[in-house]
Amino acid sequence: MGIGWRELVIILVIVLLVFGTKRLKNVGSDLGEAVRGFKKGLNGDDGAAPPKPDAELRDDNRKD
């Protein structure tokens, strides 16, 4: 048994009454920006330098 369309409509009406349309619009746009930023982070499109290979990370002064 899951949530039906009637329950979703009731929840939406309650959310609109609590937050109002203006604040809900801002929350939606902020949530969209957060999701886009998260996806960019997962894809590595954040503009950061690529990771260095293991050979460059090794300490040259260390004796193996």
N, C-alpha and C. Protein backbone atom coordinates (compact mmCIF):
# COMPACT_ATOMS: atom_id res chain seq x y z
N MET A 1 0.84 -1.16 0.00
CA MET A 1 0.00 0.00 0.00
C MET A 1 0.89 1.23 0.00
N GLY A 2 0.69 2.11 -0.89
CA GLY A 2 1.51 3.30 -1.00
C GLY A 2 0.67 4.57 -0.94
N ILE A 3 1.33 5.65 -1.22
CA ILE A 3 0.65 6.94 -1.22
C ILE A 3 -0.05 7.11 -2.56
N GLY A 4 -1.32 7.39 -2.52
CA GLY A 4 -2.11 7.59 -3.73
C GLY A 4 -2.11 9.05 -4.15
N TRP A 5 -2.79 9.34 -5.22
CA TRP A 5 -2.80 10.71 -5.74
C TRP A 5 -3.57 11.64 -4.82
N ARG A 6 -4.57 11.11 -4.12
CA ARG A 6 -5.35 11.95 -3.20
C ARG A 6 -4.49 12.42 -2.03
N GLU A 7 -3.68 11.51 -1.50
CA GLU A 7 -2.80 11.88 -0.40
C GLU A 7 -1.77 12.91 -0.84
N LEU A 8 -1.25 12.74 -2.05
CA LEU A 8 -0.27 13.71 -2.58
C LEU A 8 -0.89 15.09 -2.74
N VAL A 9 -2.14 15.16 -3.19
CA VAL A 9 -2.82 16.45 -3.33
C VAL A 9 -3.01 17.10 -1.97
N ILE A 10 -3.40 16.31 -0.99
CA ILE A 10 -3.59 16.85 0.37
C ILE A 10 -2.26 17.37 0.92
N ILE A 11 -1.19 16.63 0.74
CA ILE A 11 0.14 17.07 1.19
C ILE A 11 0.54 18.35 0.49
N LEU A 12 0.31 18.43 -0.81
CA LEU A 12 0.65 19.64 -1.57
C LEU A 12 -0.12 20.86 -1.07
N VAL A 13 -1.41 20.69 -0.78
CA VAL A 13 -2.22 21.79 -0.27
C VAL A 13 -1.70 22.25 1.09
N ILE A 14 -1.35 21.31 1.95
CA ILE A 14 -0.82 21.66 3.27
C ILE A 14 0.51 22.40 3.14
N VAL A 15 1.37 21.94 2.25
CA VAL A 15 2.66 22.60 2.03
C VAL A 15 2.45 24.01 1.51
N LEU A 16 1.52 24.20 0.59
CA LEU A 16 1.23 25.54 0.07
C LEU A 16 0.70 26.45 1.16
N LEU A 17 -0.14 25.92 2.05
CA LEU A 17 -0.67 26.73 3.14
C LEU A 17 0.42 27.12 4.14
N VAL A 18 1.33 26.21 4.41
CA VAL A 18 2.38 26.47 5.40
C VAL A 18 3.43 27.43 4.84
N PHE A 19 3.92 27.16 3.64
CA PHE A 19 5.03 27.94 3.09
C PHE A 19 4.59 29.12 2.25
N GLY A 20 3.47 29.04 1.60
CA GLY A 20 3.06 30.08 0.67
C GLY A 20 3.72 29.87 -0.68
N THR A 21 3.14 30.48 -1.71
CA THR A 21 3.64 30.24 -3.07
C THR A 21 5.00 30.88 -3.32
N LYS A 22 5.23 32.07 -2.76
CA LYS A 22 6.50 32.76 -3.01
C LYS A 22 7.67 32.01 -2.38
N ARG A 23 7.52 31.62 -1.14
CA ARG A 23 8.60 30.91 -0.47
C ARG A 23 8.80 29.53 -1.08
N LEU A 24 7.71 28.89 -1.48
CA LEU A 24 7.81 27.57 -2.11
C LEU A 24 8.56 27.66 -3.43
N LYS A 25 8.35 28.75 -4.18
CA LYS A 25 9.08 28.95 -5.43
C LYS A 25 10.57 29.09 -5.16
N ASN A 26 10.94 29.84 -4.11
CA ASN A 26 12.35 29.99 -3.76
C ASN A 26 12.97 28.68 -3.31
N VAL A 27 12.21 27.91 -2.55
CA VAL A 27 12.71 26.60 -2.10
C VAL A 27 12.94 25.70 -3.30
N GLY A 28 12.03 25.73 -4.25
CA GLY A 28 12.18 24.90 -5.45
C GLY A 28 13.39 25.28 -6.27
N SER A 29 13.64 26.58 -6.44
CA SER A 29 14.81 26.99 -7.22
C SER A 29 16.10 26.68 -6.48
N ASP A 30 16.11 26.85 -5.15
CA ASP A 30 17.29 26.50 -4.37
C ASP A 30 17.58 25.01 -4.42
N LEU A 31 16.52 24.21 -4.37
CA LEU A 31 16.69 22.76 -4.46
C LEU A 31 17.23 22.36 -5.84
N GLY A 32 16.76 23.03 -6.90
CA GLY A 32 17.26 22.75 -8.24
C GLY A 32 18.73 23.08 -8.37
N GLU A 33 19.16 24.22 -7.80
CA GLU A 33 20.58 24.58 -7.83
C GLU A 33 21.42 23.56 -7.06
N ALA A 34 20.92 23.10 -5.94
CA ALA A 34 21.65 22.11 -5.15
C ALA A 34 21.82 20.80 -5.90
N VAL A 35 20.76 20.38 -6.60
CA VAL A 35 20.83 19.13 -7.36
C VAL A 35 21.83 19.28 -8.51
N ARG A 36 21.80 20.44 -9.19
CA ARG A 36 22.76 20.67 -10.28
C ARG A 36 24.19 20.67 -9.76
N GLY A 37 24.43 21.30 -8.63
CA GLY A 37 25.76 21.31 -8.04
C GLY A 37 26.22 19.92 -7.64
N PHE A 38 25.30 19.13 -7.11
CA PHE A 38 25.62 17.76 -6.72
C PHE A 38 25.99 16.92 -7.94
N LYS A 39 25.23 17.08 -9.03
CA LYS A 39 25.52 16.33 -10.26
C LYS A 39 26.87 16.75 -10.84
N LYS A 40 27.17 18.05 -10.81
CA LYS A 40 28.47 18.51 -11.29
C LYS A 40 29.58 17.92 -10.47
N GLY A 41 29.39 17.84 -9.16
CA GLY A 41 30.39 17.26 -8.28
C GLY A 41 30.62 15.79 -8.57
N LEU A 42 29.55 15.07 -8.87
CA LEU A 42 29.68 13.65 -9.20
C LEU A 42 30.39 13.45 -10.53
N ASN A 43 30.14 14.33 -11.49
CA ASN A 43 30.74 14.20 -12.81
C ASN A 43 32.14 14.78 -12.87
N GLY A 44 32.56 15.51 -11.85
CA GLY A 44 33.89 16.11 -11.85
C GLY A 44 33.95 17.39 -12.65
N ASP A 45 32.82 18.05 -12.90
CA ASP A 45 32.78 19.28 -13.69
C ASP A 45 32.89 20.53 -12.83
N ASP A 46 33.57 20.43 -11.68
CA ASP A 46 33.61 21.56 -10.76
C ASP A 46 34.76 22.52 -11.06
N GLY A 47 35.53 22.27 -12.10
CA GLY A 47 36.61 23.18 -12.47
C GLY A 47 37.90 22.93 -11.71
N ALA A 48 37.93 21.94 -10.87
CA ALA A 48 39.14 21.63 -10.11
C ALA A 48 40.14 20.91 -11.00
N ALA A 49 41.40 20.97 -10.61
CA ALA A 49 42.45 20.30 -11.37
C ALA A 49 42.26 18.79 -11.24
N PRO A 50 42.60 18.05 -12.29
CA PRO A 50 42.47 16.60 -12.22
C PRO A 50 43.44 16.02 -11.18
N PRO A 51 43.13 14.89 -10.59
CA PRO A 51 44.02 14.32 -9.59
C PRO A 51 45.35 13.90 -10.20
N LYS A 52 46.40 14.00 -9.39
CA LYS A 52 47.74 13.63 -9.86
C LYS A 52 47.88 12.12 -9.86
N PRO A 53 48.66 11.59 -10.79
CA PRO A 53 48.93 10.15 -10.80
C PRO A 53 49.70 9.75 -9.53
N ASP A 54 49.67 8.46 -9.20
CA ASP A 54 50.32 7.97 -7.99
C ASP A 54 51.81 8.25 -7.97
N ALA A 55 52.46 8.24 -9.12
CA ALA A 55 53.90 8.47 -9.17
C ALA A 55 54.26 9.86 -8.67
N GLU A 56 53.43 10.85 -8.95
CA GLU A 56 53.72 12.21 -8.50
C GLU A 56 53.39 12.40 -7.03
N LEU A 57 52.55 11.57 -6.47
CA LEU A 57 52.18 11.70 -5.08
C LEU A 57 53.20 11.05 -4.14
N ARG A 58 54.02 10.19 -4.67
CA ARG A 58 54.98 9.48 -3.85
C ARG A 58 56.06 10.43 -3.34
N ASP A 59 56.47 10.24 -2.11
CA ASP A 59 57.50 11.07 -1.48
C ASP A 59 58.86 10.59 -1.98
N ASP A 60 59.65 11.48 -2.60
CA ASP A 60 60.96 11.10 -3.15
C ASP A 60 62.00 10.83 -2.07
N ASN A 61 61.83 11.35 -0.87
CA ASN A 61 62.80 11.16 0.20
C ASN A 61 62.62 9.85 0.96
N ARG A 62 61.55 9.16 0.68
CA ARG A 62 61.26 7.92 1.37
C ARG A 62 62.08 6.78 0.81
N LYS A 63 62.58 5.92 1.66
CA LYS A 63 63.33 4.75 1.20
C LYS A 63 62.39 3.56 1.19
N ASP A 64 62.35 2.85 0.06
CA ASP A 64 61.46 1.68 -0.04
C ASP A 64 62.14 0.42 0.37
